[in-house]
Amino acid sequence: MLAHNSRRLRAARGWSQEKLALEAGVARSFVNDLERQDRNLTIDMLQKIIRAFGVRAVDLFHAG
């Protein structure tokens, strides 16, 4: 769910993985791994991603 919603939110903004990484202050490889579900997400990283997207944590985990 998280991987799908991250890709969906990124696409809605017209962002590349590089742009999300820049906005979140993380490595592009982290975004790639996150969206392929190859990475465990820490609370710190979750906070960086939700701040970059400007959404609530639940929005990343919701099946909408």
PDB file of N, CA and C in Angstrom:
ATOM      1  N   MET A   1       0.819  -1.188   0.000  1.00  0.00           N
ATOM      2  CA  MET A   1       0.000   0.000   0.000  1.00  0.00           C
ATOM      3  C   MET A   1       0.870   1.263   0.000  1.00  0.00           C
ATOM      4  N   LEU A   2       1.856   1.290   0.864  1.00  0.00           N
ATOM      5  CA  LEU A   2       2.732   2.458   0.957  1.00  0.00           C
ATOM      6  C   LEU A   2       3.450   2.720  -0.367  1.00  0.00           C
ATOM      7  N   ALA A   3       3.970   1.678  -0.974  1.00  0.00           N
ATOM      8  CA  ALA A   3       4.688   1.839  -2.245  1.00  0.00           C
ATOM      9  C   ALA A   3       3.760   2.395  -3.320  1.00  0.00           C
ATOM     10  N   HIS A   4       2.569   1.828  -3.415  1.00  0.00           N
ATOM     11  CA  HIS A   4       1.589   2.282  -4.411  1.00  0.00           C
ATOM     12  C   HIS A   4       1.217   3.745  -4.176  1.00  0.00           C
ATOM     13  N   ASN A   5       0.934   4.101  -2.933  1.00  0.00           N
ATOM     14  CA  ASN A   5       0.520   5.472  -2.627  1.00  0.00           C
ATOM     15  C   ASN A   5       1.652   6.470  -2.832  1.00  0.00           C
ATOM     16  N   SER A   6       2.869   6.058  -2.557  1.00  0.00           N
ATOM     17  CA  SER A   6       4.002   6.946  -2.809  1.00  0.00           C
ATOM     18  C   SER A   6       4.117   7.235  -4.306  1.00  0.00           C
ATOM     19  N   ARG A   7       4.021   6.196  -5.126  1.00  0.00           N
ATOM     20  CA  ARG A   7       4.077   6.397  -6.583  1.00  0.00           C
ATOM     21  C   ARG A   7       2.909   7.256  -7.063  1.00  0.00           C
ATOM     22  N   ARG A   8       1.716   7.007  -6.520  1.00  0.00           N
ATOM     23  CA  ARG A   8       0.519   7.763  -6.919  1.00  0.00           C
ATOM     24  C   ARG A   8       0.666   9.242  -6.567  1.00  0.00           C
ATOM     25  N   LEU A   9       1.097   9.532  -5.345  1.00  0.00           N
ATOM     26  CA  LEU A   9       1.270  10.920  -4.915  1.00  0.00           C
ATOM     27  C   LEU A   9       2.368  11.613  -5.722  1.00  0.00           C
ATOM     28  N   ARG A  10       3.429  10.876  -6.010  1.00  0.00           N
ATOM     29  CA  ARG A  10       4.519  11.426  -6.810  1.00  0.00           C
ATOM     30  C   ARG A  10       4.036  11.770  -8.211  1.00  0.00           C
ATOM     31  N   ALA A  11       3.297  10.857  -8.810  1.00  0.00           N
ATOM     32  CA  ALA A  11       2.782  11.077 -10.168  1.00  0.00           C
ATOM     33  C   ALA A  11       1.806  12.247 -10.207  1.00  0.00           C
ATOM     34  N   ALA A  12       0.976  12.364  -9.180  1.00  0.00           N
ATOM     35  CA  ALA A  12      -0.004  13.456  -9.133  1.00  0.00           C
ATOM     36  C   ALA A  12       0.688  14.815  -9.101  1.00  0.00           C
ATOM     37  N   ARG A  13       1.882  14.850  -8.556  1.00  0.00           N
ATOM     38  CA  ARG A  13       2.640  16.104  -8.480  1.00  0.00           C
ATOM     39  C   ARG A  13       3.584  16.283  -9.671  1.00  0.00           C
ATOM     40  N   GLY A  14       3.693  15.249 -10.486  1.00  0.00           N
ATOM     41  CA  GLY A  14       4.629  15.305 -11.609  1.00  0.00           C
ATOM     42  C   GLY A  14       6.076  15.201 -11.166  1.00  0.00           C
ATOM     43  N   TRP A  15       6.301  14.558 -10.027  1.00  0.00           N
ATOM     44  CA  TRP A  15       7.641  14.445  -9.462  1.00  0.00           C
ATOM     45  C   TRP A  15       8.319  13.158  -9.898  1.00  0.00           C
ATOM     46  N   SER A  16       9.603  13.247 -10.125  1.00  0.00           N
ATOM     47  CA  SER A  16      10.435  12.061 -10.323  1.00  0.00           C
ATOM     48  C   SER A  16      10.836  11.538  -8.942  1.00  0.00           C
ATOM     49  N   GLN A  17      11.446  10.371  -8.921  1.00  0.00           N
ATOM     50  CA  GLN A  17      11.985   9.868  -7.655  1.00  0.00           C
ATOM     51  C   GLN A  17      13.054  10.817  -7.134  1.00  0.00           C
ATOM     52  N   GLU A  18      13.819  11.383  -8.036  1.00  0.00           N
ATOM     53  CA  GLU A  18      14.867  12.335  -7.652  1.00  0.00           C
ATOM     54  C   GLU A  18      14.265  13.564  -6.975  1.00  0.00           C
ATOM     55  N   LYS A  19      13.162  14.074  -7.516  1.00  0.00           N
ATOM     56  CA  LYS A  19      12.501  15.252  -6.943  1.00  0.00           C
ATOM     57  C   LYS A  19      11.957  14.934  -5.556  1.00  0.00           C
ATOM     58  N   LEU A  20      11.312  13.780  -5.388  1.00  0.00           N
ATOM     59  CA  LEU A  20      10.818  13.402  -4.062  1.00  0.00           C
ATOM     60  C   LEU A  20      11.977  13.280  -3.084  1.00  0.00           C
ATOM     61  N   ALA A  21      13.049  12.657  -3.512  1.00  0.00           N
ATOM     62  CA  ALA A  21      14.218  12.510  -2.646  1.00  0.00           C
ATOM     63  C   ALA A  21      14.747  13.872  -2.213  1.00  0.00           C
ATOM     64  N   LEU A  22      14.827  14.800  -3.145  1.00  0.00           N
ATOM     65  CA  LEU A  22      15.296  16.151  -2.841  1.00  0.00           C
ATOM     66  C   LEU A  22      14.365  16.837  -1.847  1.00  0.00           C
ATOM     67  N   GLU A  23      13.066  16.765  -2.094  1.00  0.00           N
ATOM     68  CA  GLU A  23      12.080  17.399  -1.212  1.00  0.00           C
ATOM     69  C   GLU A  23      12.092  16.784   0.187  1.00  0.00           C
ATOM     70  N   ALA A  24      12.322  15.475   0.259  1.00  0.00           N
ATOM     71  CA  ALA A  24      12.286  14.773   1.545  1.00  0.00           C
ATOM     72  C   ALA A  24      13.636  14.765   2.256  1.00  0.00           C
ATOM     73  N   GLY A  25      14.690  15.091   1.535  1.00  0.00           N
ATOM     74  CA  GLY A  25      16.020  15.057   2.139  1.00  0.00           C
ATOM     75  C   GLY A  25      16.534  13.641   2.342  1.00  0.00           C
ATOM     76  N   VAL A  26      16.213  12.776   1.384  1.00  0.00           N
ATOM     77  CA  VAL A  26      16.675  11.385   1.434  1.00  0.00           C
ATOM     78  C   VAL A  26      17.353  11.055   0.109  1.00  0.00           C
ATOM     79  N   ALA A  27      18.024   9.933   0.061  1.00  0.00           N
ATOM     80  CA  ALA A  27      18.677   9.497  -1.176  1.00  0.00           C
ATOM     81  C   ALA A  27      17.637   8.984  -2.173  1.00  0.00           C
ATOM     82  N   ARG A  28      17.918   9.187  -3.464  1.00  0.00           N
ATOM     83  CA  ARG A  28      17.012   8.670  -4.486  1.00  0.00           C
ATOM     84  C   ARG A  28      16.902   7.157  -4.394  1.00  0.00           C
ATOM     85  N   SER A  29      17.992   6.506  -4.029  1.00  0.00           N
ATOM     86  CA  SER A  29      17.963   5.047  -3.886  1.00  0.00           C
ATOM     87  C   SER A  29      16.989   4.621  -2.793  1.00  0.00           C
ATOM     88  N   PHE A  30      16.831   5.452  -1.755  1.00  0.00           N
ATOM     89  CA  PHE A  30      15.849   5.147  -0.713  1.00  0.00           C
ATOM     90  C   PHE A  30      14.437   5.179  -1.292  1.00  0.00           C
ATOM     91  N   VAL A  31      14.124   6.201  -2.079  1.00  0.00           N
ATOM     92  CA  VAL A  31      12.794   6.315  -2.691  1.00  0.00           C
ATOM     93  C   VAL A  31      12.548   5.123  -3.608  1.00  0.00           C
ATOM     94  N   ASN A  32      13.537   4.767  -4.401  1.00  0.00           N
ATOM     95  CA  ASN A  32      13.412   3.618  -5.293  1.00  0.00           C
ATOM     96  C   ASN A  32      13.136   2.340  -4.494  1.00  0.00           C
ATOM     97  N   ASP A  33      13.920   2.103  -3.459  1.00  0.00           N
ATOM     98  CA  ASP A  33      13.722   0.913  -2.622  1.00  0.00           C
ATOM     99  C   ASP A  33      12.357   0.931  -1.952  1.00  0.00           C
ATOM    100  N   LEU A  34      11.937   2.086  -1.473  1.00  0.00           N
ATOM    101  CA  LEU A  34      10.635   2.222  -0.821  1.00  0.00           C
ATOM    102  C   LEU A  34       9.513   1.844  -1.782  1.00  0.00           C
ATOM    103  N   GLU A  35       9.587   2.335  -2.997  1.00  0.00           N
ATOM    104  CA  GLU A  35       8.527   2.085  -3.970  1.00  0.00           C
ATOM    105  C   GLU A  35       8.572   0.668  -4.534  1.00  0.00           C
ATOM    106  N   ARG A  36       9.681  -0.014  -4.377  1.00  0.00           N
ATOM    107  CA  ARG A  36       9.767  -1.425  -4.775  1.00  0.00           C
ATOM    108  C   ARG A  36       9.524  -2.343  -3.582  1.00  0.00           C
ATOM    109  N   GLN A  37       9.261  -1.765  -2.440  1.00  0.00           N
ATOM    110  CA  GLN A  37       9.026  -2.484  -1.184  1.00  0.00           C
ATOM    111  C   GLN A  37      10.253  -3.278  -0.753  1.00  0.00           C
ATOM    112  N   ASP A  38      11.432  -2.734  -1.036  1.00  0.00           N
ATOM    113  CA  ASP A  38      12.688  -3.373  -0.660  1.00  0.00           C
ATOM    114  C   ASP A  38      13.315  -2.737   0.576  1.00  0.00           C
ATOM    115  N   ARG A  39      12.595  -1.846   1.210  1.00  0.00           N
ATOM    116  CA  ARG A  39      13.178  -1.088   2.320  1.00  0.00           C
ATOM    117  C   ARG A  39      12.173  -0.993   3.453  1.00  0.00           C
ATOM    118  N   ASN A  40      12.647  -1.188   4.675  1.00  0.00           N
ATOM    119  CA  ASN A  40      11.810  -0.941   5.845  1.00  0.00           C
ATOM    120  C   ASN A  40      11.812   0.552   6.121  1.00  0.00           C
ATOM    121  N   LEU A  41      10.680   1.067   6.537  1.00  0.00           N
ATOM    122  CA  LEU A  41      10.517   2.500   6.756  1.00  0.00           C
ATOM    123  C   LEU A  41      10.602   2.813   8.240  1.00  0.00           C
ATOM    124  N   THR A  42      11.526   3.690   8.615  1.00  0.00           N
ATOM    125  CA  THR A  42      11.610   4.137  10.003  1.00  0.00           C
ATOM    126  C   THR A  42      10.653   5.307  10.202  1.00  0.00           C
ATOM    127  N   ILE A  43      10.367   5.621  11.437  1.00  0.00           N
ATOM    128  CA  ILE A  43       9.497   6.764  11.750  1.00  0.00           C
ATOM    129  C   ILE A  43      10.116   8.048  11.202  1.00  0.00           C
ATOM    130  N   ASP A  44      11.417   8.196  11.344  1.00  0.00           N
ATOM    131  CA  ASP A  44      12.107   9.390  10.844  1.00  0.00           C
ATOM    132  C   ASP A  44      11.928   9.538   9.334  1.00  0.00           C
ATOM    133  N   MET A  45      12.112   8.449   8.607  1.00  0.00           N
ATOM    134  CA  MET A  45      11.949   8.498   7.150  1.00  0.00           C
ATOM    135  C   MET A  45      10.493   8.739   6.773  1.00  0.00           C
ATOM    136  N   LEU A  46       9.564   8.133   7.500  1.00  0.00           N
ATOM    137  CA  LEU A  46       8.138   8.364   7.241  1.00  0.00           C
ATOM    138  C   LEU A  46       7.815   9.844   7.392  1.00  0.00           C
ATOM    139  N   GLN A  47       8.327  10.467   8.440  1.00  0.00           N
ATOM    140  CA  GLN A  47       8.076  11.891   8.655  1.00  0.00           C
ATOM    141  C   GLN A  47       8.632  12.728   7.507  1.00  0.00           C
ATOM    142  N   LYS A  48       9.785  12.380   7.002  1.00  0.00           N
ATOM    143  CA  LYS A  48      10.370  13.124   5.882  1.00  0.00           C
ATOM    144  C   LYS A  48       9.508  13.004   4.629  1.00  0.00           C
ATOM    145  N   ILE A  49       9.002  11.805   4.369  1.00  0.00           N
ATOM    146  CA  ILE A  49       8.172  11.576   3.182  1.00  0.00           C
ATOM    147  C   ILE A  49       6.840  12.307   3.305  1.00  0.00           C
ATOM    148  N   ILE A  50       6.185  12.232   4.476  1.00  0.00           N
ATOM    149  CA  ILE A  50       4.880  12.901   4.608  1.00  0.00           C
ATOM    150  C   ILE A  50       5.033  14.420   4.569  1.00  0.00           C
ATOM    151  N   ARG A  51       6.133  14.938   5.105  1.00  0.00           N
ATOM    152  CA  ARG A  51       6.363  16.391   5.005  1.00  0.00           C
ATOM    153  C   ARG A  51       6.582  16.802   3.553  1.00  0.00           C
ATOM    154  N   ALA A  52       7.325  16.012   2.820  1.00  0.00           N
ATOM    155  CA  ALA A  52       7.585  16.335   1.413  1.00  0.00           C
ATOM    156  C   ALA A  52       6.287  16.352   0.616  1.00  0.00           C
ATOM    157  N   PHE A  53       5.421  15.375   0.858  1.00  0.00           N
ATOM    158  CA  PHE A  53       4.145  15.315   0.146  1.00  0.00           C
ATOM    159  C   PHE A  53       3.106  16.272   0.722  1.00  0.00           C
ATOM    160  N   GLY A  54       3.280  16.674   1.979  1.00  0.00           N
ATOM    161  CA  GLY A  54       2.289  17.532   2.622  1.00  0.00           C
ATOM    162  C   GLY A  54       0.991  16.797   2.915  1.00  0.00           C
ATOM    163  N   VAL A  55       1.120  15.532   3.317  1.00  0.00           N
ATOM    164  CA  VAL A  55      -0.048  14.705   3.627  1.00  0.00           C
ATOM    165  C   VAL A  55       0.080  14.152   5.044  1.00  0.00           C
ATOM    166  N   ARG A  56      -0.966  13.465   5.483  1.00  0.00           N
ATOM    167  CA  ARG A  56      -0.928  12.776   6.777  1.00  0.00           C
ATOM    168  C   ARG A  56      -0.376  11.367   6.565  1.00  0.00           C
ATOM    169  N   ALA A  57       0.173  10.786   7.612  1.00  0.00           N
ATOM    170  CA  ALA A  57       0.714   9.425   7.511  1.00  0.00           C
ATOM    171  C   ALA A  57      -0.350   8.455   7.023  1.00  0.00           C
ATOM    172  N   VAL A  58      -1.572   8.613   7.490  1.00  0.00           N
ATOM    173  CA  VAL A  58      -2.653   7.703   7.088  1.00  0.00           C
ATOM    174  C   VAL A  58      -2.867   7.731   5.580  1.00  0.00           C
ATOM    175  N   ASP A  59      -2.592   8.863   4.939  1.00  0.00           N
ATOM    176  CA  ASP A  59      -2.768   8.971   3.489  1.00  0.00           C
ATOM    177  C   ASP A  59      -1.805   8.061   2.723  1.00  0.00           C
ATOM    178  N   LEU A  60      -0.670   7.756   3.323  1.00  0.00           N
ATOM    179  CA  LEU A  60       0.281   6.855   2.673  1.00  0.00           C
ATOM    180  C   LEU A  60      -0.101   5.392   2.849  1.00  0.00           C
ATOM    181  N   PHE A  61      -0.908   5.104   3.870  1.00  0.00           N
ATOM    182  CA  PHE A  61      -1.259   3.717   4.166  1.00  0.00           C
ATOM    183  C   PHE A  61      -2.692   3.375   3.806  1.00  0.00           C
ATOM    184  N   HIS A  62      -3.481   4.361   3.413  1.00  0.00           N
ATOM    185  CA  HIS A  62      -4.901   4.157   3.098  1.00  0.00           C
ATOM    186  C   HIS A  62      -5.055   3.495   1.735  1.00  0.00           C
ATOM    187  N   ALA A  63      -6.024   2.631   1.627  1.00  0.00           N
ATOM    188  CA  ALA A  63      -6.260   1.896   0.368  1.00  0.00           C
ATOM    189  C   ALA A  63      -7.146   2.677  -0.582  1.00  0.00           C
ATOM    190  N   GLY A  64      -7.016   3.984  -0.628  1.00  0.00           N
ATOM    191  CA  GLY A  64      -7.877   4.808  -1.462  1.00  0.00           C
ATOM    192  C   GLY A  64      -7.385   4.881  -2.833  1.00  0.00           C
TER     193      GLY A  64
END
